[in-house]
Protein backbone atom coordinates (compact mmCIF):
# COMPACT_ATOMS: atom_id res chain seq x y z
CA MET A 1 -54.17 6.89 -9.82
CA GLN A 2 -51.61 9.59 -10.52
CA ARG A 3 -49.92 8.91 -7.17
CA ALA A 4 -49.60 5.20 -8.01
CA VAL A 5 -48.03 6.06 -11.36
CA VAL A 6 -45.48 8.36 -9.66
CA GLN A 7 -44.58 5.69 -7.10
CA GLY A 8 -44.18 3.12 -9.87
CA SER A 9 -41.87 5.46 -11.77
CA LYS A 10 -39.73 5.99 -8.68
CA ARG A 11 -39.42 2.24 -8.13
CA GLY A 12 -38.44 1.78 -11.77
CA LEU A 13 -35.76 4.46 -11.51
CA ALA A 14 -34.42 2.89 -8.30
CA VAL A 15 -34.21 -0.54 -9.93
CA LEU A 16 -32.50 0.97 -12.99
CA ALA A 17 -29.99 2.79 -10.79
CA GLY A 18 -29.24 -0.43 -8.89
CA VAL A 19 -28.73 -2.43 -12.07
CA THR A 20 -26.48 0.30 -13.51
CA ALA A 21 -24.37 0.46 -10.33
CA ALA A 22 -24.01 -3.34 -10.20
CA SER A 23 -23.02 -3.44 -13.87
CA GLY A 24 -20.46 -0.69 -13.34
CA MET A 25 -18.91 -2.49 -10.37
CA GLY A 26 -18.75 -5.71 -12.37
CA LEU A 27 -17.05 -3.92 -15.25
CA VAL A 28 -14.47 -2.32 -12.94
CA TYR A 29 -13.75 -5.70 -11.31
CA ALA A 30 -13.36 -7.38 -14.70
CA LEU A 31 -11.03 -4.66 -15.98
CA GLU A 32 -8.94 -4.79 -12.81
CA ASN A 33 -8.52 -8.55 -13.07
CA SER A 34 -7.73 -8.37 -16.77
CA VAL A 35 -5.04 -5.76 -16.16
CA SER A 36 -3.50 -7.83 -13.37
CA ALA A 37 -3.58 -10.98 -15.46
CA SER A 38 -2.00 -9.35 -18.50
CA GLY A 39 0.78 -7.55 -16.61
CA ASP A 40 4.47 -8.34 -16.83
CA ASN A 41 4.74 -9.51 -13.22
CA VAL A 42 3.29 -12.26 -11.05
CA HIS A 43 0.28 -11.24 -8.98
CA PRO A 44 0.95 -11.71 -5.22
CA TYR A 45 -1.11 -14.35 -3.47
CA ALA A 46 -3.50 -13.35 -0.67
CA LEU A 47 -2.32 -13.97 2.88
CA PRO A 48 -4.36 -14.07 6.13
CA TRP A 49 -3.05 -10.92 7.82
CA ALA A 50 -4.05 -10.39 11.44
CA HIS A 51 -5.17 -6.81 10.74
CA SER A 52 -7.05 -7.36 7.48
CA GLY A 53 -10.56 -7.86 8.92
CA PRO A 54 -12.97 -5.02 9.77
CA PHE A 55 -12.82 -5.97 13.46
CA SER A 56 -9.14 -6.95 13.52
CA SER A 57 -6.15 -5.06 14.88
CA PHE A 58 -2.42 -5.21 14.31
CA ASP A 59 -0.34 -7.95 15.87
CA ILE A 60 1.77 -5.54 17.92
CA ALA A 61 4.45 -8.15 18.65
CA SER A 62 4.86 -8.66 14.90
CA VAL A 63 4.99 -4.90 14.30
CA ARG A 64 7.70 -4.52 16.95
CA ARG A 65 9.74 -7.26 15.32
CA GLY A 66 9.13 -5.62 11.96
CA TYR A 67 10.68 -2.42 13.26
CA GLU A 68 13.76 -4.44 14.24
CA VAL A 69 13.97 -5.74 10.66
CA TYR A 70 13.57 -2.24 9.25
CA LYS A 71 16.17 -0.80 11.62
CA GLN A 72 18.78 -3.52 11.02
CA VAL A 73 18.18 -4.20 7.31
CA CYS A 74 16.01 -1.68 5.48
CA ALA A 75 17.10 1.57 7.16
CA ALA A 76 20.54 1.33 5.55
CA CYS A 77 18.97 2.42 2.24
CA HIS A 78 15.31 3.35 2.77
CA SER A 79 13.88 6.32 4.65
CA MET A 80 10.54 6.76 6.42
CA LYS A 81 10.10 10.51 6.27
CA PHE A 82 6.51 10.57 7.53
CA LEU A 83 7.16 8.49 10.65
CA HIS A 84 8.16 10.16 13.93
CA TYR A 85 9.33 8.57 17.15
CA ARG A 86 6.22 9.96 18.87
CA HIS A 87 4.15 7.55 16.77
CA PHE A 88 5.75 4.67 18.71
CA VAL A 89 4.35 5.88 22.05
CA ASP A 90 1.49 3.76 23.42
CA THR A 91 1.28 1.82 20.17
CA ILE A 92 4.31 -0.45 19.79
CA MET A 93 6.41 1.01 22.63
CA THR A 94 6.03 2.71 25.96
CA GLU A 95 7.00 6.37 26.21
CA GLU A 96 10.27 5.47 27.94
CA GLU A 97 11.15 2.92 25.25
CA ALA A 98 10.35 5.41 22.48
CA LYS A 99 12.51 8.09 24.13
CA ALA A 100 15.39 5.64 24.46
CA GLU A 101 14.97 4.58 20.82
CA ALA A 102 15.02 8.20 19.69
CA ALA A 103 18.08 9.00 21.82
CA ASP A 104 20.03 6.22 20.07
CA ALA A 105 19.67 8.05 16.74
CA LEU A 106 21.84 10.96 15.64
CA ILE A 107 19.78 13.78 14.14
CA ASN A 108 21.28 16.47 11.90
CA ASP A 109 20.46 19.92 13.26
CA VAL A 110 21.88 23.44 13.62
CA ASP A 111 22.98 25.14 16.82
CA ASP A 112 22.27 28.69 17.95
CA LYS A 113 25.08 29.98 15.75
CA GLY A 114 23.81 28.23 12.63
CA ALA A 115 26.52 25.57 12.58
CA THR A 116 25.59 22.03 11.55
CA ILE A 117 25.61 19.59 14.45
CA GLN A 118 24.39 16.11 15.32
CA ARG A 119 22.35 15.57 18.46
CA PRO A 120 20.47 12.69 20.10
CA GLY A 121 16.94 12.35 18.83
CA ILE A 122 13.75 13.24 20.69
CA LEU A 123 10.16 12.07 20.28
CA THR A 124 9.23 14.82 17.82
CA ASP A 125 12.02 13.91 15.40
CA LYS A 126 11.49 11.93 12.22
CA LEU A 127 13.30 8.66 11.73
CA PRO A 128 16.69 9.65 10.25
CA ALA A 129 17.18 9.20 6.52
CA PRO A 130 20.20 7.20 5.32
CA TYR A 131 21.10 9.79 2.64
CA PRO A 132 21.01 13.60 2.66
CA ASN A 133 19.14 13.81 -0.66
CA LYS A 134 17.81 11.77 -3.56
CA LYS A 135 20.87 12.28 -5.76
CA ALA A 136 23.17 10.97 -3.06
CA ALA A 137 20.88 7.95 -2.63
CA ALA A 138 20.96 7.22 -6.37
CA ALA A 139 24.75 7.63 -6.55
CA ALA A 140 25.22 5.09 -3.77
CA ASN A 141 22.89 2.52 -5.37
CA ASN A 142 23.96 2.24 -9.01
CA GLY A 143 21.74 5.12 -10.11
CA ALA A 144 18.50 3.81 -8.54
CA ALA A 145 17.37 5.83 -5.52
CA PRO A 146 15.67 3.58 -2.92
CA PRO A 147 12.07 4.75 -2.40
CA ASP A 148 10.72 6.04 0.88
CA LEU A 149 8.81 3.32 2.74
CA SER A 150 6.42 5.47 4.78
CA LEU A 151 3.40 4.76 2.56
CA MET A 152 4.73 1.86 0.50
CA ALA A 153 2.29 -0.69 1.95
CA LEU A 154 -0.63 1.40 0.69
CA ALA A 155 0.97 2.71 -2.49
CA ARG A 156 1.50 -0.65 -4.20
CA HIS A 157 -1.21 -2.86 -5.68
CA GLY A 158 -1.57 -5.84 -3.38
CA GLY A 159 -0.39 -3.97 -0.29
CA ASP A 160 1.04 -6.26 2.38
CA ASP A 161 0.78 -9.27 0.06
CA TYR A 162 2.96 -7.50 -2.51
CA VAL A 163 5.61 -6.49 0.04
CA PHE A 164 5.83 -10.02 1.47
CA SER A 165 5.92 -11.65 -1.96
CA LEU A 166 8.57 -9.23 -3.21
CA LEU A 167 10.86 -9.81 -0.22
CA THR A 168 10.60 -13.59 -0.46
CA GLY A 169 10.30 -13.95 -4.25
CA TYR A 170 13.90 -13.68 -5.46
CA LEU A 171 14.73 -16.40 -7.99
CA GLU A 172 17.33 -17.22 -10.57
CA ALA A 173 16.46 -15.57 -13.87
CA PRO A 174 14.86 -17.95 -16.39
CA ALA A 175 16.51 -18.67 -19.70
CA GLY A 176 16.42 -15.72 -22.06
CA VAL A 177 16.13 -13.07 -19.34
CA LYS A 178 19.22 -10.90 -19.02
CA VAL A 179 20.05 -9.52 -15.58
CA ASP A 180 22.69 -6.78 -15.49
CA ASP A 181 25.33 -6.54 -12.78
CA GLY A 182 23.98 -5.09 -9.55
CA LYS A 183 20.40 -6.14 -10.32
CA ALA A 184 18.31 -9.20 -9.49
CA TYR A 185 15.37 -11.14 -10.86
CA ASN A 186 12.08 -11.03 -8.96
CA PRO A 187 8.87 -12.09 -10.74
CA TYR A 188 6.72 -9.98 -8.39
CA PHE A 189 8.42 -6.74 -9.43
CA PRO A 190 7.05 -5.04 -12.58
CA GLY A 191 9.31 -6.08 -15.43
CA GLY A 192 10.98 -8.76 -13.32
CA ILE A 193 14.31 -6.92 -12.97
CA ILE A 194 14.83 -5.11 -9.67
CA SER A 195 17.75 -2.95 -8.53
CA MET A 196 17.50 -4.17 -4.92
CA PRO A 197 19.23 -7.51 -4.32
CA GLN A 198 17.79 -10.01 -1.87
CA GLN A 199 17.95 -8.56 1.64
CA LEU A 200 16.35 -11.15 3.93
CA PHE A 201 17.94 -14.48 4.79
CA ASP A 202 17.30 -17.12 7.43
CA GLU A 203 18.80 -16.01 10.74
CA GLY A 204 19.91 -12.76 9.10
CA ILE A 205 19.06 -10.92 12.32
CA GLU A 206 18.31 -11.91 15.90
CA TYR A 207 14.96 -10.94 17.41
CA LYS A 208 14.93 -9.57 20.94
CA ASP A 209 11.97 -11.78 21.90
CA GLY A 210 13.69 -14.95 20.70
CA THR A 211 11.39 -15.60 17.72
CA PRO A 212 13.20 -17.67 15.04
CA ALA A 213 14.25 -15.15 12.38
CA THR A 214 13.46 -17.13 9.25
CA MET A 215 13.25 -15.26 5.97
CA SER A 216 9.46 -15.59 5.81
CA GLN A 217 9.10 -14.46 9.44
CA GLN A 218 11.19 -11.36 8.80
CA ALA A 219 9.20 -10.59 5.63
CA LYS A 220 5.88 -11.02 7.48
CA ASP A 221 6.97 -8.80 10.36
CA VAL A 222 8.44 -5.99 8.25
CA SER A 223 5.32 -6.05 6.03
CA ALA A 224 3.15 -5.60 9.12
CA PHE A 225 5.41 -2.79 10.34
CA MET A 226 5.27 -0.99 6.99
CA HIS A 227 1.47 -1.13 7.00
CA TRP A 228 1.42 0.14 10.58
CA ALA A 229 3.82 2.96 9.59
CA ALA A 230 1.43 3.96 6.79
CA GLU A 231 -1.53 3.90 9.21
CA PRO A 232 -0.28 4.43 12.78
CA PHE A 233 -3.84 5.13 13.94
CA HIS A 234 -5.33 2.09 12.20
CA ASP A 235 -6.49 0.39 15.41
CA THR A 236 -7.81 3.63 16.94
CA ARG A 237 -9.82 4.33 13.78
CA LYS A 238 -11.45 0.89 13.96
CA LYS A 239 -12.26 1.33 17.66
CA TRP A 240 -14.01 4.63 16.94
CA ALA A 241 -15.86 3.03 14.03
CA LEU A 242 -17.20 0.31 16.35
CA LYS A 243 -18.28 2.90 18.92
CA ILE A 244 -20.07 4.96 16.29
CA ALA A 245 -21.68 1.85 14.79
CA ALA A 246 -23.02 0.92 18.25
CA LEU A 247 -24.65 4.37 18.54
CA ILE A 248 -26.30 4.30 15.11
CA PRO A 249 -29.44 2.32 16.22
CA PHE A 250 -30.11 4.72 19.10
CA VAL A 251 -29.56 7.78 16.91
CA ALA A 252 -31.83 6.28 14.24
CA ILE A 253 -34.62 5.75 16.79
CA VAL A 254 -34.33 9.34 18.02
CA LEU A 255 -34.33 10.71 14.47
CA VAL A 256 -37.34 8.63 13.41
CA TYR A 257 -39.30 9.59 16.52
CA GLY A 258 -38.34 13.25 16.12
CA LYS A 259 -39.37 13.25 12.48
CA ARG A 260 -42.75 11.70 13.26
CA HIS A 261 -43.29 14.15 16.12
CA ILE A 262 -42.35 17.24 14.11
CA TRP A 263 -44.30 16.30 10.99
CA SER A 264 -47.30 14.67 12.68
CA PHE A 265 -49.22 17.98 12.85
CA THR A 266 -48.53 18.85 9.21
CA LYS A 267 -49.30 15.37 7.88
CA SER A 268 -52.53 15.10 9.88
CA GLN A 269 -54.00 18.37 8.59
CA LYS A 270 -57.05 18.22 6.37
CA PHE A 271 -57.91 20.98 3.94
CA LEU A 272 -61.57 21.58 3.04
CA PHE A 273 -62.56 23.93 0.25
CA LYS A 274 -65.86 25.61 1.01
CA THR A 275 -67.78 27.47 -1.65
CA VAL A 276 -68.83 30.97 -0.61
CA LYS A 277 -72.36 31.91 -1.48
CA GLY A 278 -72.38 34.21 -4.46
CA ARG A 279 -68.99 33.00 -5.69
CA GLU A 280 -70.00 29.66 -7.09
CA PRO A 281 -68.02 28.51 -10.12
CA PRO A 282 -69.89 28.70 -13.40
CA LYS A 283 -71.77 25.58 -14.28
CA ALA A 284 -70.70 23.66 -17.33
CA GLN A 285 -73.16 23.87 -20.19
């Protein structure tokens, strides 16, 4: 009887914990949506990215084109301080292509005598920054320093959807909205006023693979590249996750069998209490 009561209590606690967790998740979801709906910017619409699914990988051709967009358009103002040329190897380029890409860049360095020099890049170098420091970047851009793009795809709410919407969402300011010189109106940017003017235009660049370089195509490709730059080992991580998931049933069988084998002796024991003659408990009166 006591055992049944204990089991019933455990079930009740489990149900209560489940209801509490579900209520908490619902509250968080409601608060998140309410904050997004009441913000001062338009929420980006969801797009069907090739890498968004749990079993999906990056469209490497798109990532390669996105690097072309970054190199020809974005790199003039934005850095990627966490990305090295070695990250390109066996992901979006061959080792020879990555070495050639690095050699095209001029890297600031010092020689054996401590003098400042510029040398061709190597695989271990970071992608060169357009400005020597943040103050120089701000001075060259009307006081607004362009942010580093290494983790931008993960740092902004909406991720890839936000980046794509921002790059393609430039509009004329509505009546009553003042836009100062050197700034632009973009409803996807918090506040609507952004210091970066529109950067992507139809046929603004020419892709090496011949893909038509429309504005939306460039925005899609550079968004994919920025996400890849934030997670260069994204595809490898998913491959390992699939391998581990495939092993889980076998490991579970071994663990269950081992548990039953180890505990079978203990759980099958039976304890008998035998009264020794002369040590009988006193009888109740």
